[in-house]
Each structure stands twice: as C-alpha cells, then as structure tokens.
C-alpha cells in the first residue's frame, strides 16, 4: 500500500496504528519476559526452588528409610527364627536376649512385672509360632499346657486386679521356656 492511500483512508490508517501498537505490545512483553528470566531476581528464585527441592527430597528419603525399616521388622523376625536346614535350630540370638529380659522381670517381685512378663512371653511365643507355621505346634509336647496358660493371659487382660503369685508366673514362663527349647530356639 502506498503512503498516499493510507493518509487518505482513515480506516486503513487506524488499522495500521492498531497493528503497530499490537506488535509493540507483544514485542515489549516478550522482551520483559526475557529480561526477567535473565535477571538476578530469577536466579534467586531458582536457587530457592533448588534448596526447597533438596530439603523435600531429604525428607522423603528419610521417610522411605523409616518405612523400609518398619516394613522389614517382620522380615528381621523371620530371619531371627529362620531355621538352619541341617540342625533345625534357630540361628539368631535376639530372641534369646528378649527372653532374658522377660525372665529378669521375675526378679522385681511386683505384680506389674509378673503380668508384663507373661504378656510379653505370650506375645513373643505367638509371633514365633506365627512365623514357623502350624507344624511348630506339633513339635511342642506341652502345647496343651501352653493353651491353659493362655487363660491366665486372658484373665490378666480382662481383669486389671488379677493377682499373680511368683510361683504361678515362674511356672508360666517355665512352660514357655520349655516350648521354646522343644522348638530348638533355646
């Protein structure tokens, strides 16, 4: 188009002005965006984002480690009671250590410790049976005595005032000890 035509036609002139303004607007906006991303301010924002992402990553890594340890607890117990194929004995000493702690509760001469000893012994014994499976019950000659002892445990749980004697507690722990010996754990 010629300049003479644009000067004589006001609609064309206005259209060209709008197009020029639009072009300038987009050009200026583009330059502002480019200058923002190349400015020091943007570099500071990126640094903050990097630091925040590192902190969040560390938190998630710690959470993953924590969950793996929690999930693997059963696996550790299974390894603790894993049977050696040649001897049929339990390899790990962790169960024996825990059992010694249970037996130490008998020395305290208190009802609370007697009850705790029986409850902890029953819990440990049940976990071992659960891992070894139903065939473990066959290896225990005093299993009927253990079933009777479970009634004592139920009495403790149902009645907080339930009284235990030292002899009754020693007999109970002794029955569990014998069953663990029969399983080859102790």
N, C-alpha and C. Protein backbone atom coordinates (compact mmCIF):
# COMPACT_ATOMS: atom_id res chain seq x y z
N UNK A 1 0.84 -1.16 0.00
CA UNK A 1 0.00 0.00 0.00
C UNK A 1 0.89 1.23 0.00
N UNK A 2 0.40 2.20 -0.63
CA UNK A 2 1.16 3.44 -0.72
C UNK A 2 0.82 4.34 0.45
N UNK A 3 1.74 5.23 0.76
CA UNK A 3 1.53 6.17 1.86
C UNK A 3 0.40 7.14 1.56
N UNK A 4 0.22 7.48 0.32
CA UNK A 4 -0.83 8.42 -0.05
C UNK A 4 -2.20 7.81 0.24
N UNK A 5 -2.34 6.52 -0.04
CA UNK A 5 -3.61 5.85 0.21
C UNK A 5 -3.88 5.79 1.71
N UNK A 6 -2.86 5.45 2.51
CA UNK A 6 -3.03 5.35 3.96
C UNK A 6 -3.40 6.70 4.56
N UNK A 7 -2.83 7.77 4.03
CA UNK A 7 -3.14 9.08 4.57
C UNK A 7 -4.56 9.52 4.20
N UNK A 8 -5.03 9.07 3.07
CA UNK A 8 -6.36 9.49 2.64
C UNK A 8 -7.46 8.61 3.23
N UNK A 9 -7.15 7.34 3.59
CA UNK A 9 -8.17 6.44 4.14
C UNK A 9 -7.99 6.33 5.66
N UNK A 10 -8.91 6.91 6.45
CA UNK A 10 -8.75 6.89 7.92
C UNK A 10 -8.88 5.48 8.51
N UNK A 11 -9.69 4.61 7.94
CA UNK A 11 -9.86 3.25 8.47
C UNK A 11 -8.57 2.47 8.33
N UNK A 12 -7.93 2.57 7.20
CA UNK A 12 -6.66 1.88 6.98
C UNK A 12 -5.60 2.42 7.92
N UNK A 13 -5.61 3.73 8.11
CA UNK A 13 -4.63 4.35 8.99
C UNK A 13 -4.82 3.85 10.42
N UNK A 14 -6.07 3.81 10.89
CA UNK A 14 -6.35 3.32 12.25
C UNK A 14 -5.97 1.84 12.39
N UNK A 15 -6.26 1.07 11.37
CA UNK A 15 -5.92 -0.35 11.39
C UNK A 15 -4.41 -0.53 11.49
N UNK A 16 -3.67 0.22 10.73
CA UNK A 16 -2.21 0.13 10.75
C UNK A 16 -1.67 0.58 12.11
N UNK A 17 -2.28 1.61 12.69
CA UNK A 17 -1.85 2.06 14.02
C UNK A 17 -2.10 0.97 15.07
N UNK A 18 -3.27 0.34 15.00
CA UNK A 18 -3.58 -0.74 15.94
C UNK A 18 -2.62 -1.92 15.77
N UNK A 19 -2.33 -2.24 14.52
CA UNK A 19 -1.38 -3.32 14.27
C UNK A 19 0.00 -2.98 14.81
N UNK A 20 0.41 -1.76 14.62
CA UNK A 20 1.72 -1.33 15.12
C UNK A 20 1.74 -1.36 16.65
N UNK A 21 0.64 -0.91 17.29
CA UNK A 21 0.58 -0.94 18.75
C UNK A 21 0.58 -2.38 19.28
N UNK A 22 -0.16 -3.25 18.58
CA UNK A 22 -0.21 -4.65 18.98
C UNK A 22 1.17 -5.28 18.86
N UNK A 23 1.84 -5.00 17.77
CA UNK A 23 3.19 -5.52 17.56
C UNK A 23 4.12 -5.02 18.65
N UNK A 24 4.03 -3.73 18.96
CA UNK A 24 4.87 -3.17 20.02
C UNK A 24 4.55 -3.80 21.38
N UNK A 25 3.25 -4.02 21.66
CA UNK A 25 2.86 -4.62 22.93
C UNK A 25 3.47 -6.01 23.09
N UNK A 26 3.32 -6.87 22.06
CA UNK A 26 3.86 -8.23 22.14
C UNK A 26 5.38 -8.22 22.16
N UNK A 27 5.96 -7.34 21.43
CA UNK A 27 7.41 -7.24 21.41
C UNK A 27 7.93 -6.80 22.78
N UNK A 28 7.29 -5.78 23.36
CA UNK A 28 7.70 -5.31 24.69
C UNK A 28 7.48 -6.38 25.76
N UNK A 29 6.35 -7.08 25.67
CA UNK A 29 6.06 -8.15 26.64
C UNK A 29 7.10 -9.24 26.52
N UNK A 30 7.43 -9.62 25.31
CA UNK A 30 8.43 -10.66 25.10
C UNK A 30 9.78 -10.24 25.68
N UNK A 31 10.16 -9.01 25.46
CA UNK A 31 11.44 -8.50 25.98
C UNK A 31 11.43 -8.46 27.52
N UNK A 32 10.29 -8.11 28.10
CA UNK A 32 10.18 -8.10 29.57
C UNK A 32 10.32 -9.52 30.13
N UNK A 33 9.69 -10.48 29.47
CA UNK A 33 9.80 -11.88 29.91
C UNK A 33 11.24 -12.34 29.83
N UNK A 34 11.90 -12.05 28.71
CA UNK A 34 13.30 -12.46 28.52
C UNK A 34 14.18 -11.78 29.57
N UNK A 35 13.97 -10.50 29.81
CA UNK A 35 14.81 -9.81 30.79
C UNK A 35 14.55 -10.32 32.21
N UNK A 36 13.32 -10.72 32.50
CA UNK A 36 13.02 -11.28 33.83
C UNK A 36 13.78 -12.58 34.05
N UNK A 37 13.76 -13.48 33.05
CA UNK A 37 14.41 -14.77 33.20
C UNK A 37 15.93 -14.67 33.18
N UNK A 38 16.47 -13.59 32.66
CA UNK A 38 17.91 -13.41 32.68
C UNK A 38 18.36 -12.50 33.82
N UNK A 39 17.43 -12.03 34.60
CA UNK A 39 17.77 -11.12 35.70
C UNK A 39 18.26 -11.88 36.92
N UNK A 40 18.84 -11.14 37.85
CA UNK A 40 19.31 -11.71 39.12
C UNK A 40 18.14 -12.22 39.94
N UNK A 41 17.01 -11.57 39.86
CA UNK A 41 15.83 -11.96 40.63
C UNK A 41 15.41 -13.39 40.29
N UNK A 42 15.41 -13.73 39.03
CA UNK A 42 15.03 -15.08 38.62
C UNK A 42 16.04 -16.10 39.12
N UNK A 43 17.32 -15.77 39.08
CA UNK A 43 18.35 -16.68 39.57
C UNK A 43 18.16 -16.93 41.06
N UNK A 44 17.74 -15.93 41.79
CA UNK A 44 17.48 -16.07 43.22
C UNK A 44 16.28 -16.99 43.46
N UNK A 45 15.26 -16.85 42.64
CA UNK A 45 14.08 -17.72 42.76
C UNK A 45 14.47 -19.17 42.47
N UNK A 46 15.27 -19.39 41.43
CA UNK A 46 15.71 -20.74 41.09
C UNK A 46 16.55 -21.34 42.22
N UNK A 47 17.41 -20.54 42.84
CA UNK A 47 18.20 -21.03 43.95
C UNK A 47 17.29 -21.47 45.10
N UNK A 48 16.29 -20.68 45.42
CA UNK A 48 15.35 -21.03 46.48
C UNK A 48 14.57 -22.30 46.14
N UNK A 49 14.19 -22.45 44.89
CA UNK A 49 13.48 -23.66 44.46
C UNK A 49 14.40 -24.88 44.60
N UNK A 50 15.66 -24.73 44.22
CA UNK A 50 16.61 -25.84 44.34
C UNK A 50 16.79 -26.24 45.81
N UNK A 51 16.95 -25.26 46.68
CA UNK A 51 17.13 -25.55 48.11
C UNK A 51 15.90 -26.24 48.66
N UNK A 52 14.72 -25.72 48.32
CA UNK A 52 13.48 -26.33 48.81
C UNK A 52 13.34 -27.76 48.28
N UNK A 53 13.68 -28.00 47.04
CA UNK A 53 13.55 -29.35 46.48
C UNK A 53 14.55 -30.31 47.13
N UNK A 54 15.73 -29.84 47.48
CA UNK A 54 16.71 -30.69 48.16
C UNK A 54 16.19 -31.06 49.55
N UNK A 55 15.64 -30.08 50.27
CA UNK A 55 15.11 -30.35 51.60
C UNK A 55 13.95 -31.34 51.52
N UNK A 56 13.05 -31.14 50.58
CA UNK A 56 11.91 -32.05 50.42
C UNK A 56 12.40 -33.45 50.04
N UNK A 57 13.40 -33.53 49.17
CA UNK A 57 13.96 -34.83 48.79
C UNK A 57 14.57 -35.55 49.98
N UNK A 58 15.28 -34.81 50.83
CA UNK A 58 15.86 -35.42 52.03
C UNK A 58 14.79 -35.92 52.98
N UNK A 59 13.73 -35.15 53.13
CA UNK A 59 12.62 -35.57 53.99
C UNK A 59 12.00 -36.86 53.45
N UNK A 60 11.75 -36.91 52.15
CA UNK A 60 11.17 -38.12 51.57
C UNK A 60 12.13 -39.31 51.65
N UNK A 61 13.42 -39.06 51.49
CA UNK A 61 14.39 -40.15 51.60
C UNK A 61 14.39 -40.70 53.02
N UNK A 62 14.34 -39.81 54.02
CA UNK A 62 14.28 -40.28 55.41
C UNK A 62 12.99 -41.05 55.66
N UNK A 63 11.89 -40.59 55.11
CA UNK A 63 10.62 -41.28 55.26
C UNK A 63 10.67 -42.67 54.63
N UNK A 64 11.28 -42.77 53.48
CA UNK A 64 11.41 -44.06 52.80
C UNK A 64 12.25 -45.02 53.64
N UNK A 65 13.36 -44.52 54.17
CA UNK A 65 14.21 -45.37 55.02
C UNK A 65 13.43 -45.83 56.24
N UNK A 66 12.70 -44.91 56.87
CA UNK A 66 11.91 -45.26 58.05
C UNK A 66 10.88 -46.33 57.72
N UNK A 67 10.17 -46.17 56.61
CA UNK A 67 9.15 -47.14 56.22
C UNK A 67 9.75 -48.49 55.86
N UNK A 68 10.90 -48.48 55.20
CA UNK A 68 11.55 -49.75 54.85
C UNK A 68 11.94 -50.49 56.12
N UNK A 69 12.43 -49.76 57.12
CA UNK A 69 12.79 -50.39 58.39
C UNK A 69 11.55 -50.95 59.07
N UNK A 70 10.47 -50.17 59.08
CA UNK A 70 9.23 -50.63 59.71
C UNK A 70 8.67 -51.85 58.99
N UNK A 71 8.67 -51.81 57.68
CA UNK A 71 8.12 -52.92 56.91
C UNK A 71 9.00 -54.16 57.08
N UNK A 72 10.29 -53.95 57.21
CA UNK A 72 11.22 -55.06 57.29
C UNK A 72 11.29 -55.67 58.69
N UNK A 73 10.56 -55.12 59.65
CA UNK A 73 10.57 -55.67 61.01
C UNK A 73 10.15 -57.13 61.00
N UNK A 74 9.11 -57.42 60.28
CA UNK A 74 8.66 -58.81 60.21
C UNK A 74 9.71 -59.67 59.53
N UNK A 75 10.36 -59.12 58.53
CA UNK A 75 11.43 -59.86 57.85
C UNK A 75 12.59 -60.15 58.78
N UNK A 76 12.93 -59.19 59.65
CA UNK A 76 14.01 -59.43 60.61
C UNK A 76 13.61 -60.50 61.59
N UNK A 77 12.35 -60.47 62.03
CA UNK A 77 11.90 -61.51 62.95
C UNK A 77 11.91 -62.86 62.26
N UNK A 78 11.54 -62.89 60.99
CA UNK A 78 11.58 -64.15 60.25
C UNK A 78 13.01 -64.65 60.14
N UNK A 79 13.95 -63.74 59.90
CA UNK A 79 15.35 -64.16 59.85
C UNK A 79 15.82 -64.60 61.22
N UNK A 80 15.27 -63.97 62.27
CA UNK A 80 15.68 -64.33 63.63
C UNK A 80 15.24 -65.74 63.97
N UNK A 81 14.14 -66.17 63.41
CA UNK A 81 13.66 -67.52 63.70
C UNK A 81 13.80 -68.45 62.51
N UNK A 82 14.59 -68.01 61.53
CA UNK A 82 14.79 -68.88 60.36
C UNK A 82 15.54 -70.12 60.79
N UNK A 83 15.09 -71.24 60.32
CA UNK A 83 15.70 -72.50 60.75
C UNK A 83 16.87 -72.87 59.86
N UNK A 84 17.88 -73.36 60.49
CA UNK A 84 19.02 -73.90 59.79
C UNK A 84 18.61 -75.30 59.32
N UNK A 85 18.72 -75.54 58.05
CA UNK A 85 18.22 -76.81 57.49
C UNK A 85 18.91 -78.02 58.10
N UNK A 86 20.19 -77.91 58.42
CA UNK A 86 20.91 -79.09 58.92
C UNK A 86 20.62 -79.37 60.38
N UNK A 87 20.49 -78.35 61.22
CA UNK A 87 20.33 -78.58 62.65
C UNK A 87 18.91 -78.38 63.14
N UNK A 88 18.10 -77.63 62.42
CA UNK A 88 16.74 -77.34 62.87
C UNK A 88 16.70 -76.37 64.03
N UNK A 89 17.80 -75.66 64.29
CA UNK A 89 17.88 -74.71 65.40
C UNK A 89 17.72 -73.29 64.86
N UNK A 90 17.30 -72.42 65.75
CA UNK A 90 17.18 -71.01 65.39
C UNK A 90 18.57 -70.40 65.46
N UNK A 91 18.92 -69.59 64.45
CA UNK A 91 20.26 -69.04 64.36
C UNK A 91 20.46 -67.75 65.16
N UNK A 92 19.47 -66.95 65.30
CA UNK A 92 19.66 -65.62 65.86
C UNK A 92 19.54 -65.61 67.38
N UNK A 93 20.32 -64.76 68.02
CA UNK A 93 20.33 -64.65 69.48
C UNK A 93 19.40 -63.56 69.98
N UNK A 94 18.75 -62.84 69.09
CA UNK A 94 17.85 -61.75 69.50
C UNK A 94 16.69 -62.27 70.34
N UNK A 95 16.17 -63.40 69.96
CA UNK A 95 15.02 -63.95 70.70
C UNK A 95 15.47 -64.37 72.09
N UNK A 96 16.66 -64.96 72.19
CA UNK A 96 17.17 -65.36 73.50
C UNK A 96 17.39 -64.12 74.38
N UNK A 97 17.90 -63.03 73.78
CA UNK A 97 18.08 -61.78 74.53
C UNK A 97 16.76 -61.27 75.06
N UNK A 98 15.77 -61.25 74.18
CA UNK A 98 14.45 -60.76 74.59
C UNK A 98 13.89 -61.66 75.70
N UNK A 99 14.12 -62.94 75.59
CA UNK A 99 13.62 -63.86 76.60
C UNK A 99 14.30 -63.61 77.94
N UNK A 100 15.58 -63.29 77.92
CA UNK A 100 16.30 -62.99 79.16
C UNK A 100 15.71 -61.74 79.83
N UNK A 101 15.32 -60.76 79.03
CA UNK A 101 14.67 -59.55 79.59
C UNK A 101 13.35 -59.92 80.25
N UNK A 102 12.62 -60.83 79.62
CA UNK A 102 11.35 -61.27 80.20
C UNK A 102 11.61 -61.98 81.53
N UNK A 103 12.63 -62.83 81.59
CA UNK A 103 12.94 -63.55 82.82
C UNK A 103 13.41 -62.61 83.92
N UNK A 104 14.07 -61.50 83.57
CA UNK A 104 14.52 -60.52 84.57
C UNK A 104 13.35 -59.86 85.28
N UNK A 105 12.21 -59.79 84.61
CA UNK A 105 11.03 -59.18 85.23
C UNK A 105 10.57 -59.98 86.46
N UNK A 106 10.91 -61.25 86.50
CA UNK A 106 10.54 -62.09 87.65
C UNK A 106 11.31 -61.68 88.91
N UNK A 107 12.48 -61.11 88.74
CA UNK A 107 13.31 -60.73 89.88
C UNK A 107 12.79 -59.49 90.60
N UNK A 108 11.91 -58.72 89.95
CA UNK A 108 11.44 -57.46 90.51
C UNK A 108 10.44 -57.65 91.65
N UNK A 109 9.85 -58.81 91.78
CA UNK A 109 8.87 -59.09 92.84
C UNK A 109 7.72 -58.09 92.87
N UNK A 110 7.14 -57.83 91.72
CA UNK A 110 5.95 -56.96 91.70
C UNK A 110 4.91 -57.54 90.75
N UNK A 111 3.64 -57.32 91.10
CA UNK A 111 2.54 -57.82 90.28
C UNK A 111 2.63 -57.30 88.85
N UNK A 112 2.97 -56.03 88.72
CA UNK A 112 3.05 -55.43 87.39
C UNK A 112 4.09 -56.15 86.53
N UNK A 113 5.26 -56.40 87.09
CA UNK A 113 6.30 -57.09 86.32
C UNK A 113 5.93 -58.53 86.02
N UNK A 114 5.23 -59.19 86.94
CA UNK A 114 4.77 -60.56 86.67
C UNK A 114 3.82 -60.56 85.48
N UNK A 115 2.87 -59.63 85.51
CA UNK A 115 1.90 -59.56 84.41
C UNK A 115 2.59 -59.22 83.09
N UNK A 116 3.51 -58.25 83.13
CA UNK A 116 4.23 -57.88 81.91
C UNK A 116 5.04 -59.06 81.38
N UNK A 117 5.66 -59.80 82.26
CA UNK A 117 6.46 -60.95 81.82
C UNK A 117 5.59 -61.96 81.08
N UNK A 118 4.42 -62.26 81.64
CA UNK A 118 3.53 -63.24 81.00
C UNK A 118 3.02 -62.70 79.66
N UNK A 119 2.61 -61.44 79.62
CA UNK A 119 2.09 -60.86 78.38
C UNK A 119 3.17 -60.81 77.30
N UNK A 120 4.37 -60.39 77.66
CA UNK A 120 5.45 -60.32 76.67
C UNK A 120 5.88 -61.72 76.22
N UNK A 121 5.92 -62.66 77.13
CA UNK A 121 6.29 -64.02 76.76
C UNK A 121 5.26 -64.61 75.79
N UNK A 122 4.00 -64.38 76.08
CA UNK A 122 2.95 -64.89 75.20
C UNK A 122 3.02 -64.25 73.82
N UNK A 123 3.26 -62.94 73.81
CA UNK A 123 3.35 -62.23 72.52
C UNK A 123 4.52 -62.75 71.69
N UNK A 124 5.69 -62.90 72.33
CA UNK A 124 6.86 -63.40 71.61
C UNK A 124 6.63 -64.83 71.12
N UNK A 125 6.05 -65.65 71.98
CA UNK A 125 5.78 -67.05 71.60
C UNK A 125 4.80 -67.11 70.44
N UNK A 126 3.75 -66.29 70.48
CA UNK A 126 2.77 -66.28 69.38
C UNK A 126 3.41 -65.84 68.07
N UNK A 127 4.30 -64.82 68.13
CA UNK A 127 4.97 -64.38 66.90
C UNK A 127 5.85 -65.48 66.33
N UNK A 128 6.54 -66.19 67.21
CA UNK A 128 7.39 -67.29 66.74
C UNK A 128 6.55 -68.38 66.09
N UNK A 129 5.44 -68.73 66.74
CA UNK A 129 4.55 -69.76 66.15
C UNK A 129 3.97 -69.29 64.82
N UNK A 130 3.63 -68.02 64.75
CA UNK A 130 3.06 -67.49 63.51
C UNK A 130 4.07 -67.60 62.37
N UNK A 131 5.32 -67.33 62.65
CA UNK A 131 6.35 -67.38 61.61
C UNK A 131 6.69 -68.82 61.25
N UNK A 132 6.81 -69.68 62.26
CA UNK A 132 7.18 -71.07 61.99
C UNK A 132 6.04 -71.86 61.37
N UNK A 133 4.82 -71.41 61.59
CA UNK A 133 3.67 -72.07 60.98
C UNK A 133 3.07 -73.13 61.87
N UNK A 134 1.99 -73.77 61.39
CA UNK A 134 1.26 -74.73 62.21
C UNK A 134 2.06 -76.00 62.54
N UNK A 135 3.09 -76.30 61.78
CA UNK A 135 3.87 -77.50 62.08
C UNK A 135 4.66 -77.35 63.37
N UNK A 136 4.91 -76.12 63.81
CA UNK A 136 5.66 -75.90 65.04
C UNK A 136 4.90 -76.42 66.25
N UNK A 137 3.57 -76.34 66.22
CA UNK A 137 2.76 -76.81 67.34
C UNK A 137 2.94 -78.31 67.57
N UNK A 138 3.20 -79.05 66.52
CA UNK A 138 3.39 -80.50 66.62
C UNK A 138 4.66 -80.81 67.40
N UNK A 139 5.68 -79.94 67.26
CA UNK A 139 6.97 -80.18 67.92
C UNK A 139 6.93 -79.88 69.42
N UNK A 140 5.85 -79.31 69.91
CA UNK A 140 5.79 -78.88 71.31
C UNK A 140 4.97 -79.89 72.10
N UNK A 141 5.63 -80.70 72.94
CA UNK A 141 4.88 -81.68 73.73
C UNK A 141 3.94 -81.05 74.77
N UNK A 142 4.32 -79.89 75.30
CA UNK A 142 3.49 -79.26 76.34
C UNK A 142 2.55 -78.20 75.76
N UNK A 143 2.10 -78.40 74.54
CA UNK A 143 1.25 -77.39 73.90
C UNK A 143 -0.09 -77.23 74.63
N UNK A 144 -0.62 -78.31 75.18
CA UNK A 144 -1.89 -78.20 75.94
C UNK A 144 -1.68 -77.35 77.18
N UNK A 145 -0.51 -77.47 77.81
CA UNK A 145 -0.20 -76.63 78.97
C UNK A 145 -0.12 -75.16 78.56
N UNK A 146 0.44 -74.92 77.39
CA UNK A 146 0.53 -73.55 76.86
C UNK A 146 -0.88 -73.00 76.64
N UNK A 147 -1.77 -73.80 76.11
CA UNK A 147 -3.15 -73.35 75.90
C UNK A 147 -3.82 -73.01 77.23
N UNK A 148 -3.52 -73.76 78.28
CA UNK A 148 -4.06 -73.44 79.61
C UNK A 148 -3.47 -72.13 80.12
N UNK A 149 -2.21 -71.90 79.84
CA UNK A 149 -1.54 -70.68 80.28
C UNK A 149 -2.18 -69.46 79.61
N UNK A 150 -2.63 -69.63 78.39
CA UNK A 150 -3.26 -68.52 77.67
C UNK A 150 -4.50 -68.03 78.42
N UNK A 151 -5.12 -68.91 79.19
CA UNK A 151 -6.27 -68.48 80.01
C UNK A 151 -5.81 -67.49 81.08
N UNK A 152 -4.61 -67.71 81.63
CA UNK A 152 -4.05 -66.76 82.60
C UNK A 152 -3.84 -65.41 81.93
N UNK A 153 -3.32 -65.44 80.73
CA UNK A 153 -3.11 -64.19 79.98
C UNK A 153 -4.43 -63.47 79.78
N UNK A 154 -5.46 -64.20 79.39
CA UNK A 154 -6.78 -63.60 79.19
C UNK A 154 -7.31 -63.02 80.49
N UNK A 155 -7.08 -63.69 81.60
CA UNK A 155 -7.52 -63.18 82.90
C UNK A 155 -6.81 -61.87 83.23
N UNK A 156 -5.54 -61.79 82.91
CA UNK A 156 -4.78 -60.56 83.15
C UNK A 156 -5.35 -59.42 82.32
N UNK A 157 -5.66 -59.71 81.07
CA UNK A 157 -6.18 -58.66 80.18
C UNK A 157 -7.59 -58.23 80.56
N UNK A 158 -8.42 -59.17 81.00
CA UNK A 158 -9.81 -58.85 81.32
C UNK A 158 -9.95 -58.19 82.69
N UNK A 159 -9.11 -58.57 83.63
CA UNK A 159 -9.25 -58.07 84.99
C UNK A 159 -7.92 -57.45 85.44
N UNK A 160 -7.84 -56.12 85.49
CA UNK A 160 -6.59 -55.48 85.91
C UNK A 160 -6.21 -55.80 87.36
N UNK A 161 -7.17 -56.23 88.17
CA UNK A 161 -6.92 -56.55 89.58
C UNK A 161 -6.48 -58.00 89.77
N UNK A 162 -6.36 -58.74 88.69
CA UNK A 162 -5.99 -60.15 88.76
C UNK A 162 -4.64 -60.29 89.48
N UNK A 163 -4.58 -61.14 90.48
CA UNK A 163 -3.36 -61.31 91.28
C UNK A 163 -2.60 -62.55 90.83
N UNK A 164 -1.30 -62.38 90.71
CA UNK A 164 -0.41 -63.48 90.32
C UNK A 164 0.59 -63.72 91.45
N UNK A 165 0.91 -64.96 91.65
CA UNK A 165 1.99 -65.27 92.59
C UNK A 165 3.27 -65.45 91.79
N UNK A 166 4.36 -65.37 92.49
CA UNK A 166 5.64 -65.56 91.83
C UNK A 166 5.74 -66.99 91.28
N UNK A 167 5.25 -67.95 92.04
CA UNK A 167 5.31 -69.35 91.61
C UNK A 167 4.49 -69.56 90.33
N UNK A 168 3.31 -68.97 90.28
CA UNK A 168 2.46 -69.10 89.10
C UNK A 168 3.14 -68.48 87.88
N UNK A 169 3.76 -67.33 88.09
CA UNK A 169 4.46 -66.66 86.99
C UNK A 169 5.67 -67.49 86.54
N UNK A 170 6.44 -68.01 87.49
CA UNK A 170 7.59 -68.84 87.14
C UNK A 170 7.17 -70.10 86.40
N UNK A 171 6.05 -70.69 86.82
CA UNK A 171 5.54 -71.88 86.14
C UNK A 171 5.15 -71.54 84.69
N UNK A 172 4.49 -70.40 84.52
CA UNK A 172 4.07 -69.97 83.18
C UNK A 172 5.28 -69.72 82.29
N UNK A 173 6.23 -68.93 82.79
CA UNK A 173 7.43 -68.63 82.00
C UNK A 173 8.21 -69.92 81.73
N UNK A 174 8.24 -70.83 82.72
CA UNK A 174 8.92 -72.11 82.54
C UNK A 174 8.30 -72.94 81.43
N UNK A 175 6.97 -72.91 81.34
CA UNK A 175 6.29 -73.66 80.28
C UNK A 175 6.64 -73.08 78.91
N UNK A 176 6.66 -71.75 78.81
CA UNK A 176 7.05 -71.13 77.54
C UNK A 176 8.51 -71.45 77.22
N UNK A 177 9.37 -71.41 78.24
CA UNK A 177 10.79 -71.73 78.03
C UNK A 177 10.95 -73.15 77.51
N UNK A 178 10.22 -74.08 78.10
CA UNK A 178 10.29 -75.48 77.66
C UNK A 178 9.81 -75.60 76.21
N UNK A 179 8.75 -74.88 75.87
CA UNK A 179 8.24 -74.95 74.50
C UNK A 179 9.28 -74.38 73.52
N UNK A 180 9.96 -73.30 73.91
CA UNK A 180 10.99 -72.73 73.04
C UNK A 180 12.19 -73.68 72.91
N UNK A 181 12.48 -74.42 73.99
CA UNK A 181 13.54 -75.42 73.91
C UNK A 181 13.13 -76.55 72.97
N UNK A 182 11.87 -76.95 73.06
CA UNK A 182 11.38 -78.01 72.18
C UNK A 182 11.44 -77.59 70.70
N UNK A 183 11.27 -76.29 70.46
CA UNK A 183 11.35 -75.78 69.09
C UNK A 183 12.81 -75.61 68.64
N UNK A 184 13.75 -75.74 69.59
CA UNK A 184 15.16 -75.58 69.23
C UNK A 184 15.64 -74.15 69.26
N UNK A 185 14.87 -73.26 69.87
CA UNK A 185 15.26 -71.85 69.90
C UNK A 185 16.21 -71.59 71.06
N UNK A 186 15.99 -72.25 72.17
CA UNK A 186 16.82 -72.00 73.35
C UNK A 186 17.55 -73.27 73.73
